[in-house]
Amino acid sequence: MKDTIDLVNNLLQQKDEKTNAQQNAYDAVIIGAGIGGLVCGCYLARAGMKVLICEQHYKPGDIVLHLKDRGYIWMPRLIVLVDTEMVL
């Protein structure tokens, strides 16, 4: 967490040092509008940064997104398998 705070502070210092010609540029560009990208973008925006979030899908949300196909609703989720060794 301290590393993240240091990163945001460094980015804010860099923002203050920009010239007037660079004021229309983004401070951060985030690739992917999944839950992590959206949360990261929100934190940076709340810290006063100008943020651009790019997503290839027409809807943001990633794993919280519901997909409809042929009458079925698919709810993709991230699944983490821990200790997958099978005992017979």
C-alpha atoms as a PDB file:
ATOM      1  CA  MET A   1       0.000   0.000   0.000  1.00  0.00           C
ATOM      2  CA  LYS A   2       2.866   2.376   0.817  1.00  0.00           C
ATOM      3  CA  ASP A   3       4.306   1.774  -2.672  1.00  0.00           C
ATOM      4  CA  THR A   4       0.982   2.764  -4.226  1.00  0.00           C
ATOM      5  CA  ILE A   5       0.804   5.951  -2.147  1.00  0.00           C
ATOM      6  CA  ASP A   6       4.396   6.816  -3.098  1.00  0.00           C
ATOM      7  CA  LEU A   7       3.568   6.228  -6.775  1.00  0.00           C
ATOM      8  CA  VAL A   8       0.534   8.519  -6.616  1.00  0.00           C
ATOM      9  CA  ASN A   9       2.550  11.201  -4.783  1.00  0.00           C
ATOM     10  CA  ASN A  10       5.310  11.018  -7.401  1.00  0.00           C
ATOM     11  CA  LEU A  11       2.765  11.302 -10.200  1.00  0.00           C
ATOM     12  CA  LEU A  12       1.171  14.311  -8.519  1.00  0.00           C
ATOM     13  CA  GLN A  13       4.576  15.998  -8.204  1.00  0.00           C
ATOM     14  CA  GLN A  14       5.230  15.348 -11.901  1.00  0.00           C
ATOM     15  CA  LYS A  15       1.839  16.859 -12.705  1.00  0.00           C
ATOM     16  CA  ASP A  16       2.764  20.085 -10.894  1.00  0.00           C
ATOM     17  CA  GLU A  17       6.010  20.346 -12.888  1.00  0.00           C
ATOM     18  CA  LYS A  18       4.340  20.196 -16.315  1.00  0.00           C
ATOM     19  CA  THR A  19       4.447  23.197 -18.619  1.00  0.00           C
ATOM     20  CA  ASN A  20       1.335  24.965 -19.886  1.00  0.00           C
ATOM     21  CA  ALA A  21       1.696  23.271 -23.296  1.00  0.00           C
ATOM     22  CA  GLN A  22       1.212  19.856 -21.681  1.00  0.00           C
ATOM     23  CA  GLN A  23      -1.894  20.667 -19.639  1.00  0.00           C
ATOM     24  CA  ASN A  24      -4.270  19.033 -22.145  1.00  0.00           C
ATOM     25  CA  ALA A  25      -2.507  15.641 -21.897  1.00  0.00           C
ATOM     26  CA  TYR A  26      -3.615  12.852 -19.582  1.00  0.00           C
ATOM     27  CA  ASP A  27      -1.752  12.205 -16.363  1.00  0.00           C
ATOM     28  CA  ALA A  28      -2.509   8.475 -16.505  1.00  0.00           C
ATOM     29  CA  VAL A  29      -3.763   6.102 -19.186  1.00  0.00           C
ATOM     30  CA  ILE A  30      -5.251   2.821 -17.943  1.00  0.00           C
ATOM     31  CA  ILE A  31      -5.652  -0.084 -20.357  1.00  0.00           C
ATOM     32  CA  GLY A  32      -8.665  -2.188 -19.404  1.00  0.00           C
ATOM     33  CA  ALA A  33     -11.918  -1.131 -17.771  1.00  0.00           C
ATOM     34  CA  GLY A  34     -12.246  -4.172 -15.559  1.00  0.00           C
ATOM     35  CA  ILE A  35     -12.868  -3.760 -11.863  1.00  0.00           C
ATOM     36  CA  GLY A  36      -9.151  -3.127 -11.215  1.00  0.00           C
ATOM     37  CA  GLY A  37      -8.833  -0.503 -13.958  1.00  0.00           C
ATOM     38  CA  LEU A  38     -11.979   1.291 -12.835  1.00  0.00           C
ATOM     39  CA  VAL A  39     -10.898   1.358  -9.179  1.00  0.00           C
ATOM     40  CA  CYS A  40      -7.400   2.538 -10.096  1.00  0.00           C
ATOM     41  CA  GLY A  41      -8.860   5.268 -12.328  1.00  0.00           C
ATOM     42  CA  CYS A  42     -11.186   6.425  -9.555  1.00  0.00           C
ATOM     43  CA  TYR A  43      -8.365   6.675  -7.018  1.00  0.00           C
ATOM     44  CA  LEU A  44      -6.160   8.641  -9.422  1.00  0.00           C
ATOM     45  CA  ALA A  45      -9.028  10.950 -10.418  1.00  0.00           C
ATOM     46  CA  ARG A  46      -9.851  11.578  -6.744  1.00  0.00           C
ATOM     47  CA  ALA A  47      -6.192  12.493  -6.275  1.00  0.00           C
ATOM     48  CA  GLY A  48      -6.663  15.236  -8.883  1.00  0.00           C
ATOM     49  CA  MET A  49      -5.212  13.524 -11.933  1.00  0.00           C
ATOM     50  CA  LYS A  50      -6.661  13.576 -15.453  1.00  0.00           C
ATOM     51  CA  VAL A  51      -7.271   9.889 -16.287  1.00  0.00           C
ATOM     52  CA  LEU A  52      -8.141   8.061 -19.514  1.00  0.00           C
ATOM     53  CA  ILE A  53      -9.460   4.481 -19.228  1.00  0.00           C
ATOM     54  CA  CYS A  54      -9.444   2.435 -22.462  1.00  0.00           C
ATOM     55  CA  GLU A  55     -11.522  -0.724 -22.965  1.00  0.00           C
ATOM     56  CA  GLN A  56     -11.936  -2.925 -26.058  1.00  0.00           C
ATOM     57  CA  HIS A  57     -15.400  -4.159 -25.033  1.00  0.00           C
ATOM     58  CA  TYR A  58     -18.431  -1.898 -25.462  1.00  0.00           C
ATOM     59  CA  LYS A  59     -19.233  -2.180 -21.722  1.00  0.00           C
ATOM     60  CA  PRO A  60     -16.860  -1.642 -18.802  1.00  0.00           C
ATOM     61  CA  GLY A  61     -16.886  -3.998 -15.850  1.00  0.00           C
ATOM     62  CA  ASP A  62     -15.001  -7.162 -16.851  1.00  0.00           C
ATOM     63  CA  ILE A  63     -15.803  -9.896 -14.271  1.00  0.00           C
ATOM     64  CA  VAL A  64     -18.862  -8.082 -12.951  1.00  0.00           C
ATOM     65  CA  LEU A  65     -20.389  -8.092 -16.454  1.00  0.00           C
ATOM     66  CA  HIS A  66     -23.334 -10.338 -17.361  1.00  0.00           C
ATOM     67  CA  LEU A  67     -23.454 -11.725 -20.907  1.00  0.00           C
ATOM     68  CA  LYS A  68     -26.646 -12.850 -22.653  1.00  0.00           C
ATOM     69  CA  ASP A  69     -26.443 -15.448 -25.419  1.00  0.00           C
ATOM     70  CA  ARG A  70     -29.261 -17.545 -26.924  1.00  0.00           C
ATOM     71  CA  GLY A  71     -31.533 -17.101 -23.924  1.00  0.00           C
ATOM     72  CA  TYR A  72     -28.824 -17.902 -21.350  1.00  0.00           C
ATOM     73  CA  ILE A  73     -27.250 -15.443 -18.938  1.00  0.00           C
ATOM     74  CA  TRP A  74     -23.524 -16.041 -18.441  1.00  0.00           C
ATOM     75  CA  MET A  75     -21.817 -14.556 -15.407  1.00  0.00           C
ATOM     76  CA  PRO A  76     -18.060 -14.940 -15.933  1.00  0.00           C
ATOM     77  CA  ARG A  77     -16.074 -14.936 -12.718  1.00  0.00           C
ATOM     78  CA  LEU A  78     -12.447 -15.151 -11.762  1.00  0.00           C
ATOM     79  CA  ILE A  79     -11.742 -18.547 -10.251  1.00  0.00           C
ATOM     80  CA  VAL A  80      -8.598 -19.230  -8.277  1.00  0.00           C
ATOM     81  CA  LEU A  81      -7.626 -22.820  -7.556  1.00  0.00           C
ATOM     82  CA  VAL A  82      -5.424 -23.329  -4.538  1.00  0.00           C
ATOM     83  CA  ASP A  83      -3.685 -26.622  -3.833  1.00  0.00           C
ATOM     84  CA  THR A  84      -5.063 -28.453  -6.860  1.00  0.00           C
ATOM     85  CA  GLU A  85      -3.259 -31.726  -6.068  1.00  0.00           C
ATOM     86  CA  MET A  86      -5.758 -34.580  -6.155  1.00  0.00           C
ATOM     87  CA  VAL A  87      -5.565 -37.318  -3.535  1.00  0.00           C
ATOM     88  CA  LEU A  88      -6.795 -40.720  -4.779  1.00  0.00           C
END
